[in-house]
Amino acid sequence: MAKHLVLVAGNIGVGKTTLTERIGSRLGWWTGYESVSDNPYLSDFYGDMRSWSFHLQIFFLGHRAEQYLEAARDARSSILDRSIYEDAHIFARALHHLGNLNERDYLAYRNLYDVVVNSLPRPDLLIYLKAPVNVLMERIRRRARNMETGITPEYLTLLDSFYEEWLGAFDMCPVLTIQTNNLDYANMPSHLDLVTERIQDKLAGKEVMDLRD
Protein backbone atom coordinates (compact mmCIF):
# COMPACT_ATOMS: atom_id res chain seq x y z
CA MET A 1 0.00 0.00 0.00
CA ALA A 2 1.35 3.42 -0.96
CA LYS A 3 2.51 5.77 1.79
CA HIS A 4 0.90 9.23 1.74
CA LEU A 5 1.43 12.58 3.41
CA VAL A 6 -1.91 14.35 3.88
CA LEU A 7 -2.34 17.86 5.29
CA VAL A 8 -5.49 19.32 6.85
CA ALA A 9 -5.86 23.07 6.34
CA GLY A 10 -8.52 25.61 7.22
CA ASN A 11 -9.60 28.51 9.38
CA ILE A 12 -9.73 28.53 13.19
CA GLY A 13 -12.55 26.34 14.55
CA VAL A 14 -13.29 24.58 11.26
CA GLY A 15 -12.65 21.04 12.57
CA LYS A 16 -9.06 20.21 11.58
CA THR A 17 -7.98 18.48 14.78
CA THR A 18 -11.13 16.35 14.98
CA LEU A 19 -10.76 15.22 11.36
CA THR A 20 -7.06 14.47 11.86
CA GLU A 21 -7.85 12.35 14.94
CA ARG A 22 -10.71 10.46 13.26
CA ILE A 23 -8.91 9.74 9.98
CA GLY A 24 -5.72 8.73 11.79
CA SER A 25 -7.69 6.32 13.96
CA ARG A 26 -9.84 4.98 11.12
CA LEU A 27 -6.98 4.34 8.69
CA GLY A 28 -4.14 3.64 11.14
CA TRP A 29 -2.14 6.67 10.00
CA TRP A 30 0.52 8.59 11.93
CA THR A 31 -0.95 11.88 13.18
CA GLY A 32 0.71 15.22 13.91
CA TYR A 33 -0.94 18.09 15.77
CA GLU A 34 -0.44 21.81 16.22
CA SER A 35 1.59 22.69 19.32
CA VAL A 36 -0.77 24.53 21.70
CA SER A 37 -0.47 23.33 25.30
CA ASP A 38 3.31 22.87 25.07
CA ASN A 39 3.99 26.03 23.07
CA PRO A 40 6.41 28.25 25.06
CA TYR A 41 5.44 31.47 23.24
CA LEU A 42 1.66 31.30 22.89
CA SER A 43 0.66 32.95 26.18
CA ASP A 44 3.24 35.74 25.71
CA PHE A 45 2.03 36.22 22.14
CA TYR A 46 -1.61 36.66 23.16
CA GLY A 47 -0.50 39.11 25.86
CA ASP A 48 1.57 41.24 23.46
CA MET A 49 1.32 40.23 19.80
CA ARG A 50 3.62 42.93 18.48
CA SER A 51 6.51 41.87 20.73
CA TRP A 52 6.15 38.11 20.30
CA SER A 53 4.86 37.51 16.75
CA PHE A 54 8.30 36.85 15.25
CA HIS A 55 9.28 34.44 18.04
CA LEU A 56 6.00 32.53 17.70
CA GLN A 57 6.29 32.19 13.92
CA ILE A 58 9.87 30.91 14.17
CA PHE A 59 8.80 28.36 16.79
CA PHE A 60 5.95 27.12 14.59
CA LEU A 61 8.25 26.90 11.58
CA GLY A 62 10.68 24.63 13.44
CA HIS A 63 7.91 22.61 15.07
CA ARG A 64 6.13 21.90 11.78
CA ALA A 65 9.34 21.11 9.90
CA GLU A 66 10.17 18.53 12.58
CA GLN A 67 6.67 17.06 12.18
CA TYR A 68 7.09 16.73 8.40
CA LEU A 69 10.42 14.95 8.82
CA GLU A 70 9.01 12.64 11.50
CA ALA A 71 6.07 11.84 9.23
CA ALA A 72 8.46 11.08 6.38
CA ARG A 73 10.47 8.68 8.58
CA ASP A 74 7.39 6.75 9.76
CA ALA A 75 6.46 3.73 7.67
CA ARG A 76 2.76 4.61 7.84
CA SER A 77 0.86 7.21 5.89
CA SER A 78 0.54 10.48 7.81
CA ILE A 79 -2.06 13.17 8.37
CA LEU A 80 -1.10 16.54 9.87
CA ASP A 81 -3.36 19.04 11.63
CA ARG A 82 -2.55 22.28 9.82
CA SER A 83 0.19 22.73 7.21
CA ILE A 84 3.48 24.58 7.37
CA TYR A 85 2.31 26.62 4.36
CA GLU A 86 -0.53 28.22 6.33
CA ASP A 87 1.96 29.62 8.83
CA ALA A 88 3.45 31.85 6.16
CA HIS A 89 0.62 32.44 3.68
CA ILE A 90 -2.15 32.94 6.21
CA PHE A 91 -1.00 33.68 9.76
CA ALA A 92 2.34 35.48 9.31
CA ARG A 93 0.74 37.44 6.48
CA ALA A 94 -2.16 38.42 8.76
CA LEU A 95 0.22 39.48 11.54
CA HIS A 96 2.12 41.64 9.04
CA HIS A 97 -1.10 43.02 7.55
CA LEU A 98 -2.41 44.01 10.99
CA GLY A 99 0.87 45.67 12.03
CA ASN A 100 1.94 43.03 14.57
CA LEU A 101 4.93 41.80 12.54
CA ASN A 102 7.16 44.53 11.14
CA GLU A 103 8.54 44.48 7.61
CA ARG A 104 12.10 43.52 8.62
CA ASP A 105 10.99 40.56 10.74
CA TYR A 106 8.40 39.48 8.17
CA LEU A 107 10.98 39.37 5.37
CA ALA A 108 13.50 37.53 7.57
CA TYR A 109 10.84 34.97 8.47
CA ARG A 110 9.76 34.49 4.85
CA ASN A 111 13.35 33.95 3.72
CA LEU A 112 13.87 31.27 6.37
CA TYR A 113 10.48 29.75 5.57
CA ASP A 114 11.42 29.40 1.88
CA VAL A 115 14.69 27.62 2.74
CA VAL A 116 12.95 25.22 5.15
CA VAL A 117 9.96 24.42 2.91
CA ASN A 118 12.15 23.72 -0.11
CA SER A 119 13.92 20.98 1.87
CA LEU A 120 10.72 19.19 2.93
CA PRO A 121 8.87 16.38 1.14
CA ARG A 122 5.88 17.42 -0.93
CA PRO A 123 2.45 16.43 0.36
CA ASP A 124 0.21 14.03 -1.58
CA LEU A 125 -3.05 15.75 -0.67
CA LEU A 126 -4.23 18.96 1.00
CA ILE A 127 -7.67 18.77 2.63
CA TYR A 128 -9.17 22.26 2.86
CA LEU A 129 -11.98 22.49 5.42
CA LYS A 130 -14.42 25.39 5.08
CA ALA A 131 -17.32 26.79 7.12
CA PRO A 132 -19.06 30.18 7.33
CA VAL A 133 -17.62 32.67 9.80
CA ASN A 134 -20.70 32.55 12.05
CA VAL A 135 -20.29 28.77 12.37
CA LEU A 136 -16.58 29.18 13.19
CA MET A 137 -17.40 31.76 15.87
CA GLU A 138 -19.93 29.44 17.49
CA ARG A 139 -17.47 26.52 17.50
CA ILE A 140 -14.76 28.72 19.00
CA ARG A 141 -17.20 29.90 21.67
CA ARG A 142 -18.19 26.32 22.52
CA ARG A 143 -14.65 25.04 22.97
CA ALA A 144 -13.90 28.05 25.23
CA ARG A 145 -10.13 28.31 25.00
CA ASN A 146 -8.98 31.33 27.02
CA MET A 147 -6.43 32.33 24.39
CA GLU A 148 -9.15 32.52 21.70
CA THR A 149 -11.45 34.98 23.49
CA GLY A 150 -10.15 37.89 21.38
CA ILE A 151 -10.92 36.30 18.01
CA THR A 152 -13.41 38.42 16.05
CA PRO A 153 -15.56 37.75 12.97
CA GLU A 154 -13.51 40.40 11.17
CA TYR A 155 -10.27 38.50 11.85
CA LEU A 156 -11.74 35.19 10.65
CA THR A 157 -13.04 36.93 7.52
CA LEU A 158 -9.55 38.30 6.83
CA LEU A 159 -8.07 34.81 7.22
CA ASP A 160 -10.76 33.42 4.90
CA SER A 161 -9.75 35.90 2.20
CA PHE A 162 -6.09 34.89 2.58
CA TYR A 163 -7.01 31.19 2.34
CA GLU A 164 -8.91 31.75 -0.90
CA GLU A 165 -6.04 33.71 -2.40
CA TRP A 166 -3.42 31.17 -1.32
CA LEU A 167 -5.37 28.16 -2.56
CA GLY A 168 -6.12 29.90 -5.83
CA ALA A 169 -2.40 29.61 -6.65
CA PHE A 170 -1.58 26.40 -4.72
CA ASP A 171 -0.17 23.69 -7.01
CA MET A 172 2.03 21.48 -4.82
CA CYS A 173 -0.54 18.65 -4.72
CA PRO A 174 -4.25 17.97 -5.28
CA VAL A 175 -6.70 19.82 -3.01
CA LEU A 176 -9.89 18.30 -1.58
CA THR A 177 -12.28 21.02 -0.35
CA ILE A 178 -14.84 19.94 2.27
CA GLN A 179 -17.65 22.12 3.65
CA THR A 180 -17.89 21.20 7.35
CA ASN A 181 -20.87 23.27 8.53
CA ASN A 182 -23.31 20.40 7.87
CA LEU A 183 -20.87 17.59 8.69
CA ASP A 184 -20.41 15.93 12.09
CA TYR A 185 -17.65 13.38 11.53
CA ALA A 186 -16.97 13.40 15.29
CA ASN A 187 -20.33 11.83 16.16
CA MET A 188 -21.84 10.55 12.90
CA PRO A 189 -20.08 7.43 11.55
CA SER A 190 -21.78 7.85 8.17
CA HIS A 191 -20.28 11.34 7.80
CA LEU A 192 -16.83 9.99 8.66
CA ASP A 193 -17.35 7.17 6.15
CA LEU A 194 -18.17 9.72 3.44
CA VAL A 195 -15.15 11.93 4.16
CA THR A 196 -12.82 8.91 4.39
CA GLU A 197 -14.07 7.66 1.02
CA ARG A 198 -13.52 11.09 -0.59
CA ILE A 199 -9.96 11.24 0.79
CA GLN A 200 -9.11 7.75 -0.46
CA ASP A 201 -10.62 8.46 -3.87
CA LYS A 202 -8.63 11.68 -4.19
CA LEU A 203 -5.38 9.92 -3.23
CA ALA A 204 -6.15 7.23 -5.82
CA GLY A 205 -6.69 9.91 -8.49
CA LYS A 206 -10.42 9.29 -8.78
CA GLU A 207 -12.68 12.24 -9.47
CA VAL A 208 -16.32 12.14 -8.40
CA MET A 209 -18.92 13.49 -10.83
CA ASP A 210 -22.33 14.27 -9.31
CA LEU A 211 -25.04 14.66 -11.95
CA ARG A 212 -27.81 15.52 -9.50
CA ASP A 213 -29.32 19.02 -9.66
C-alpha atoms as a PDB file:
ATOM      1  CA  MET A   1       0.000   0.000   0.000  1.00  0.00           C
ATOM      2  CA  ALA A   2       1.351   3.422  -0.963  1.00  0.00           C
ATOM      3  CA  LYS A   3       2.512   5.771   1.790  1.00  0.00           C
ATOM      4  CA  HIS A   4       0.905   9.226   1.737  1.00  0.00           C
ATOM      5  CA  LEU A   5       1.431  12.582   3.414  1.00  0.00           C
ATOM      6  CA  VAL A   6      -1.907  14.354   3.879  1.00  0.00           C
ATOM      7  CA  LEU A   7      -2.338  17.859   5.293  1.00  0.00           C
ATOM      8  CA  VAL A   8      -5.494  19.316   6.851  1.00  0.00           C
ATOM      9  CA  ALA A   9      -5.863  23.066   6.344  1.00  0.00           C
ATOM     10  CA  GLY A  10      -8.519  25.609   7.218  1.00  0.00           C
ATOM     11  CA  ASN A  11      -9.598  28.515   9.378  1.00  0.00           C
ATOM     12  CA  ILE A  12      -9.733  28.526  13.187  1.00  0.00           C
ATOM     13  CA  GLY A  13     -12.547  26.338  14.549  1.00  0.00           C
ATOM     14  CA  VAL A  14     -13.286  24.582  11.256  1.00  0.00           C
ATOM     15  CA  GLY A  15     -12.648  21.041  12.572  1.00  0.00           C
ATOM     16  CA  LYS A  16      -9.061  20.214  11.579  1.00  0.00           C
ATOM     17  CA  THR A  17      -7.985  18.480  14.782  1.00  0.00           C
ATOM     18  CA  THR A  18     -11.134  16.354  14.976  1.00  0.00           C
ATOM     19  CA  LEU A  19     -10.760  15.224  11.362  1.00  0.00           C
ATOM     20  CA  THR A  20      -7.064  14.467  11.863  1.00  0.00           C
ATOM     21  CA  GLU A  21      -7.855  12.350  14.943  1.00  0.00           C
ATOM     22  CA  ARG A  22     -10.710  10.458  13.262  1.00  0.00           C
ATOM     23  CA  ILE A  23      -8.913   9.737   9.979  1.00  0.00           C
ATOM     24  CA  GLY A  24      -5.717   8.732  11.786  1.00  0.00           C
ATOM     25  CA  SER A  25      -7.688   6.317  13.962  1.00  0.00           C
ATOM     26  CA  ARG A  26      -9.843   4.983  11.117  1.00  0.00           C
ATOM     27  CA  LEU A  27      -6.979   4.340   8.686  1.00  0.00           C
ATOM     28  CA  GLY A  28      -4.137   3.641  11.136  1.00  0.00           C
ATOM     29  CA  TRP A  29      -2.140   6.673   9.999  1.00  0.00           C
ATOM     30  CA  TRP A  30       0.520   8.587  11.929  1.00  0.00           C
ATOM     31  CA  THR A  31      -0.946  11.875  13.184  1.00  0.00           C
ATOM     32  CA  GLY A  32       0.710  15.221  13.912  1.00  0.00           C
ATOM     33  CA  TYR A  33      -0.942  18.089  15.767  1.00  0.00           C
ATOM     34  CA  GLU A  34      -0.442  21.806  16.219  1.00  0.00           C
ATOM     35  CA  SER A  35       1.587  22.690  19.318  1.00  0.00           C
ATOM     36  CA  VAL A  36      -0.768  24.526  21.699  1.00  0.00           C
ATOM     37  CA  SER A  37      -0.472  23.329  25.305  1.00  0.00           C
ATOM     38  CA  ASP A  38       3.313  22.866  25.071  1.00  0.00           C
ATOM     39  CA  ASN A  39       3.993  26.034  23.070  1.00  0.00           C
ATOM     40  CA  PRO A  40       6.413  28.252  25.059  1.00  0.00           C
ATOM     41  CA  TYR A  41       5.439  31.467  23.241  1.00  0.00           C
ATOM     42  CA  LEU A  42       1.664  31.302  22.894  1.00  0.00           C
ATOM     43  CA  SER A  43       0.663  32.946  26.182  1.00  0.00           C
ATOM     44  CA  ASP A  44       3.241  35.742  25.715  1.00  0.00           C
ATOM     45  CA  PHE A  45       2.028  36.216  22.138  1.00  0.00           C
ATOM     46  CA  TYR A  46      -1.609  36.658  23.164  1.00  0.00           C
ATOM     47  CA  GLY A  47      -0.498  39.106  25.859  1.00  0.00           C
ATOM     48  CA  ASP A  48       1.567  41.241  23.455  1.00  0.00           C
ATOM     49  CA  MET A  49       1.316  40.235  19.799  1.00  0.00           C
ATOM     50  CA  ARG A  50       3.620  42.930  18.477  1.00  0.00           C
ATOM     51  CA  SER A  51       6.515  41.875  20.733  1.00  0.00           C
ATOM     52  CA  TRP A  52       6.154  38.106  20.303  1.00  0.00           C
ATOM     53  CA  SER A  53       4.864  37.511  16.746  1.00  0.00           C
ATOM     54  CA  PHE A  54       8.300  36.847  15.249  1.00  0.00           C
ATOM     55  CA  HIS A  55       9.277  34.443  18.035  1.00  0.00           C
ATOM     56  CA  LEU A  56       6.005  32.532  17.704  1.00  0.00           C
ATOM     57  CA  GLN A  57       6.292  32.187  13.922  1.00  0.00           C
ATOM     58  CA  ILE A  58       9.873  30.910  14.173  1.00  0.00           C
ATOM     59  CA  PHE A  59       8.798  28.364  16.791  1.00  0.00           C
ATOM     60  CA  PHE A  60       5.947  27.118  14.593  1.00  0.00           C
ATOM     61  CA  LEU A  61       8.252  26.896  11.577  1.00  0.00           C
ATOM     62  CA  GLY A  62      10.684  24.630  13.436  1.00  0.00           C
ATOM     63  CA  HIS A  63       7.911  22.606  15.065  1.00  0.00           C
ATOM     64  CA  ARG A  64       6.128  21.900  11.784  1.00  0.00           C
ATOM     65  CA  ALA A  65       9.343  21.110   9.900  1.00  0.00           C
ATOM     66  CA  GLU A  66      10.174  18.525  12.578  1.00  0.00           C
ATOM     67  CA  GLN A  67       6.674  17.065  12.176  1.00  0.00           C
ATOM     68  CA  TYR A  68       7.087  16.731   8.405  1.00  0.00           C
ATOM     69  CA  LEU A  69      10.422  14.951   8.821  1.00  0.00           C
ATOM     70  CA  GLU A  70       9.014  12.637  11.501  1.00  0.00           C
ATOM     71  CA  ALA A  71       6.072  11.838   9.230  1.00  0.00           C
ATOM     72  CA  ALA A  72       8.464  11.080   6.375  1.00  0.00           C
ATOM     73  CA  ARG A  73      10.465   8.682   8.578  1.00  0.00           C
ATOM     74  CA  ASP A  74       7.394   6.752   9.762  1.00  0.00           C
ATOM     75  CA  ALA A  75       6.463   3.731   7.667  1.00  0.00           C
ATOM     76  CA  ARG A  76       2.761   4.606   7.840  1.00  0.00           C
ATOM     77  CA  SER A  77       0.861   7.210   5.893  1.00  0.00           C
ATOM     78  CA  SER A  78       0.541  10.481   7.813  1.00  0.00           C
ATOM     79  CA  ILE A  79      -2.061  13.171   8.369  1.00  0.00           C
ATOM     80  CA  LEU A  80      -1.102  16.543   9.866  1.00  0.00           C
ATOM     81  CA  ASP A  81      -3.364  19.037  11.635  1.00  0.00           C
ATOM     82  CA  ARG A  82      -2.555  22.281   9.815  1.00  0.00           C
ATOM     83  CA  SER A  83       0.190  22.727   7.215  1.00  0.00           C
ATOM     84  CA  ILE A  84       3.484  24.579   7.369  1.00  0.00           C
ATOM     85  CA  TYR A  85       2.310  26.617   4.364  1.00  0.00           C
ATOM     86  CA  GLU A  86      -0.529  28.217   6.325  1.00  0.00           C
ATOM     87  CA  ASP A  87       1.956  29.617   8.833  1.00  0.00           C
ATOM     88  CA  ALA A  88       3.449  31.852   6.156  1.00  0.00           C
ATOM     89  CA  HIS A  89       0.624  32.442   3.676  1.00  0.00           C
ATOM     90  CA  ILE A  90      -2.155  32.939   6.214  1.00  0.00           C
ATOM     91  CA  PHE A  91      -0.998  33.683   9.758  1.00  0.00           C
ATOM     92  CA  ALA A  92       2.336  35.483   9.312  1.00  0.00           C
ATOM     93  CA  ARG A  93       0.736  37.435   6.482  1.00  0.00           C
ATOM     94  CA  ALA A  94      -2.163  38.416   8.761  1.00  0.00           C
ATOM     95  CA  LEU A  95       0.221  39.479  11.538  1.00  0.00           C
ATOM     96  CA  HIS A  96       2.119  41.636   9.037  1.00  0.00           C
ATOM     97  CA  HIS A  97      -1.101  43.018   7.554  1.00  0.00           C
ATOM     98  CA  LEU A  98      -2.406  44.006  10.992  1.00  0.00           C
ATOM     99  CA  GLY A  99       0.866  45.666  12.025  1.00  0.00           C
ATOM    100  CA  ASN A 100       1.938  43.035  14.567  1.00  0.00           C
ATOM    101  CA  LEU A 101       4.927  41.799  12.543  1.00  0.00           C
ATOM    102  CA  ASN A 102       7.160  44.526  11.143  1.00  0.00           C
ATOM    103  CA  GLU A 103       8.537  44.484   7.615  1.00  0.00           C
ATOM    104  CA  ARG A 104      12.099  43.520   8.619  1.00  0.00           C
ATOM    105  CA  ASP A 105      10.991  40.557  10.741  1.00  0.00           C
ATOM    106  CA  TYR A 106       8.404  39.476   8.175  1.00  0.00           C
ATOM    107  CA  LEU A 107      10.978  39.374   5.370  1.00  0.00           C
ATOM    108  CA  ALA A 108      13.498  37.534   7.566  1.00  0.00           C
ATOM    109  CA  TYR A 109      10.839  34.971   8.474  1.00  0.00           C
ATOM    110  CA  ARG A 110       9.755  34.492   4.851  1.00  0.00           C
ATOM    111  CA  ASN A 111      13.349  33.955   3.724  1.00  0.00           C
ATOM    112  CA  LEU A 112      13.867  31.273   6.365  1.00  0.00           C
ATOM    113  CA  TYR A 113      10.478  29.752   5.575  1.00  0.00           C
ATOM    114  CA  ASP A 114      11.417  29.403   1.881  1.00  0.00           C
ATOM    115  CA  VAL A 115      14.686  27.624   2.742  1.00  0.00           C
ATOM    116  CA  VAL A 116      12.945  25.223   5.145  1.00  0.00           C
ATOM    117  CA  VAL A 117       9.961  24.415   2.913  1.00  0.00           C
ATOM    118  CA  ASN A 118      12.151  23.725  -0.109  1.00  0.00           C
ATOM    119  CA  SER A 119      13.918  20.984   1.872  1.00  0.00           C
ATOM    120  CA  LEU A 120      10.719  19.186   2.929  1.00  0.00           C
ATOM    121  CA  PRO A 121       8.866  16.376   1.143  1.00  0.00           C
ATOM    122  CA  ARG A 122       5.881  17.420  -0.934  1.00  0.00           C
ATOM    123  CA  PRO A 123       2.445  16.428   0.355  1.00  0.00           C
ATOM    124  CA  ASP A 124       0.213  14.028  -1.583  1.00  0.00           C
ATOM    125  CA  LEU A 125      -3.049  15.754  -0.665  1.00  0.00           C
ATOM    126  CA  LEU A 126      -4.228  18.962   0.998  1.00  0.00           C
ATOM    127  CA  ILE A 127      -7.673  18.773   2.628  1.00  0.00           C
ATOM    128  CA  TYR A 128      -9.167  22.263   2.860  1.00  0.00           C
ATOM    129  CA  LEU A 129     -11.977  22.495   5.416  1.00  0.00           C
ATOM    130  CA  LYS A 130     -14.421  25.392   5.083  1.00  0.00           C
ATOM    131  CA  ALA A 131     -17.319  26.786   7.122  1.00  0.00           C
ATOM    132  CA  PRO A 132     -19.063  30.177   7.327  1.00  0.00           C
ATOM    133  CA  VAL A 133     -17.624  32.667   9.804  1.00  0.00           C
ATOM    134  CA  ASN A 134     -20.701  32.547  12.054  1.00  0.00           C
ATOM    135  CA  VAL A 135     -20.288  28.766  12.369  1.00  0.00           C
ATOM    136  CA  LEU A 136     -16.585  29.180  13.190  1.00  0.00           C
ATOM    137  CA  MET A 137     -17.397  31.764  15.868  1.00  0.00           C
ATOM    138  CA  GLU A 138     -19.934  29.436  17.488  1.00  0.00           C
ATOM    139  CA  ARG A 139     -17.474  26.520  17.502  1.00  0.00           C
ATOM    140  CA  ILE A 140     -14.761  28.720  19.005  1.00  0.00           C
ATOM    141  CA  ARG A 141     -17.204  29.899  21.672  1.00  0.00           C
ATOM    142  CA  ARG A 142     -18.191  26.322  22.515  1.00  0.00           C
ATOM    143  CA  ARG A 143     -14.655  25.044  22.970  1.00  0.00           C
ATOM    144  CA  ALA A 144     -13.903  28.048  25.229  1.00  0.00           C
ATOM    145  CA  ARG A 145     -10.129  28.309  25.002  1.00  0.00           C
ATOM    146  CA  ASN A 146      -8.984  31.329  27.017  1.00  0.00           C
ATOM    147  CA  MET A 147      -6.435  32.327  24.387  1.00  0.00           C
ATOM    148  CA  GLU A 148      -9.152  32.524  21.704  1.00  0.00           C
ATOM    149  CA  THR A 149     -11.454  34.982  23.490  1.00  0.00           C
ATOM    150  CA  GLY A 150     -10.154  37.891  21.380  1.00  0.00           C
ATOM    151  CA  ILE A 151     -10.918  36.297  18.014  1.00  0.00           C
ATOM    152  CA  THR A 152     -13.408  38.416  16.051  1.00  0.00           C
ATOM    153  CA  PRO A 153     -15.559  37.747  12.968  1.00  0.00           C
ATOM    154  CA  GLU A 154     -13.507  40.400  11.165  1.00  0.00           C
ATOM    155  CA  TYR A 155     -10.267  38.504  11.850  1.00  0.00           C
ATOM    156  CA  LEU A 156     -11.743  35.192  10.650  1.00  0.00           C
ATOM    157  CA  THR A 157     -13.035  36.930   7.516  1.00  0.00           C
ATOM    158  CA  LEU A 158      -9.551  38.296   6.830  1.00  0.00           C
ATOM    159  CA  LEU A 159      -8.073  34.812   7.222  1.00  0.00           C
ATOM    160  CA  ASP A 160     -10.757  33.417   4.899  1.00  0.00           C
ATOM    161  CA  SER A 161      -9.754  35.896   2.200  1.00  0.00           C
ATOM    162  CA  PHE A 162      -6.085  34.890   2.577  1.00  0.00           C
ATOM    163  CA  TYR A 163      -7.014  31.190   2.340  1.00  0.00           C
ATOM    164  CA  GLU A 164      -8.914  31.747  -0.901  1.00  0.00           C
ATOM    165  CA  GLU A 165      -6.036  33.714  -2.397  1.00  0.00           C
ATOM    166  CA  TRP A 166      -3.424  31.167  -1.316  1.00  0.00           C
ATOM    167  CA  LEU A 167      -5.365  28.158  -2.562  1.00  0.00           C
ATOM    168  CA  GLY A 168      -6.120  29.900  -5.835  1.00  0.00           C
ATOM    169  CA  ALA A 169      -2.401  29.614  -6.652  1.00  0.00           C
ATOM    170  CA  PHE A 170      -1.577  26.401  -4.723  1.00  0.00           C
ATOM    171  CA  ASP A 171      -0.168  23.694  -7.009  1.00  0.00           C
ATOM    172  CA  MET A 172       2.027  21.478  -4.825  1.00  0.00           C
ATOM    173  CA  CYS A 173      -0.536  18.649  -4.715  1.00  0.00           C
ATOM    174  CA  PRO A 174      -4.246  17.968  -5.278  1.00  0.00           C
ATOM    175  CA  VAL A 175      -6.699  19.817  -3.007  1.00  0.00           C
ATOM    176  CA  LEU A 176      -9.886  18.299  -1.578  1.00  0.00           C
ATOM    177  CA  THR A 177     -12.283  21.017  -0.350  1.00  0.00           C
ATOM    178  CA  ILE A 178     -14.844  19.944   2.266  1.00  0.00           C
ATOM    179  CA  GLN A 179     -17.654  22.121   3.648  1.00  0.00           C
ATOM    180  CA  THR A 180     -17.888  21.203   7.346  1.00  0.00           C
ATOM    181  CA  ASN A 181     -20.872  23.269   8.526  1.00  0.00           C
ATOM    182  CA  ASN A 182     -23.306  20.395   7.871  1.00  0.00           C
ATOM    183  CA  LEU A 183     -20.868  17.587   8.693  1.00  0.00           C
ATOM    184  CA  ASP A 184     -20.412  15.925  12.087  1.00  0.00           C
ATOM    185  CA  TYR A 185     -17.649  13.384  11.533  1.00  0.00           C
ATOM    186  CA  ALA A 186     -16.969  13.404  15.291  1.00  0.00           C
ATOM    187  CA  ASN A 187     -20.334  11.834  16.158  1.00  0.00           C
ATOM    188  CA  MET A 188     -21.843  10.552  12.903  1.00  0.00           C
ATOM    189  CA  PRO A 189     -20.075   7.433  11.551  1.00  0.00           C
ATOM    190  CA  SER A 190     -21.782   7.850   8.169  1.00  0.00           C
ATOM    191  CA  HIS A 191     -20.279  11.344   7.805  1.00  0.00           C
ATOM    192  CA  LEU A 192     -16.833   9.995   8.658  1.00  0.00           C
ATOM    193  CA  ASP A 193     -17.347   7.175   6.146  1.00  0.00           C
ATOM    194  CA  LEU A 194     -18.170   9.724   3.436  1.00  0.00           C
ATOM    195  CA  VAL A 195     -15.147  11.926   4.161  1.00  0.00           C
ATOM    196  CA  THR A 196     -12.820   8.906   4.392  1.00  0.00           C
ATOM    197  CA  GLU A 197     -14.067   7.663   1.017  1.00  0.00           C
ATOM    198  CA  ARG A 198     -13.515  11.086  -0.586  1.00  0.00           C
ATOM    199  CA  ILE A 199      -9.960  11.238   0.785  1.00  0.00           C
ATOM    200  CA  GLN A 200      -9.105   7.750  -0.462  1.00  0.00           C
ATOM    201  CA  ASP A 201     -10.617   8.463  -3.871  1.00  0.00           C
ATOM    202  CA  LYS A 202      -8.629  11.678  -4.190  1.00  0.00           C
ATOM    203  CA  LEU A 203      -5.382   9.920  -3.228  1.00  0.00           C
ATOM    204  CA  ALA A 204      -6.148   7.234  -5.822  1.00  0.00           C
ATOM    205  CA  GLY A 205      -6.689   9.907  -8.487  1.00  0.00           C
ATOM    206  CA  LYS A 206     -10.425   9.293  -8.784  1.00  0.00           C
ATOM    207  CA  GLU A 207     -12.676  12.244  -9.475  1.00  0.00           C
ATOM    208  CA  VAL A 208     -16.319  12.143  -8.400  1.00  0.00           C
ATOM    209  CA  MET A 209     -18.925  13.494 -10.829  1.00  0.00           C
ATOM    210  CA  ASP A 210     -22.331  14.266  -9.312  1.00  0.00           C
ATOM    211  CA  LEU A 211     -25.042  14.659 -11.951  1.00  0.00           C
ATOM    212  CA  ARG A 212     -27.810  15.516  -9.500  1.00  0.00           C
ATOM    213  CA  ASP A 213     -29.321  19.015  -9.665  1.00  0.00           C
END
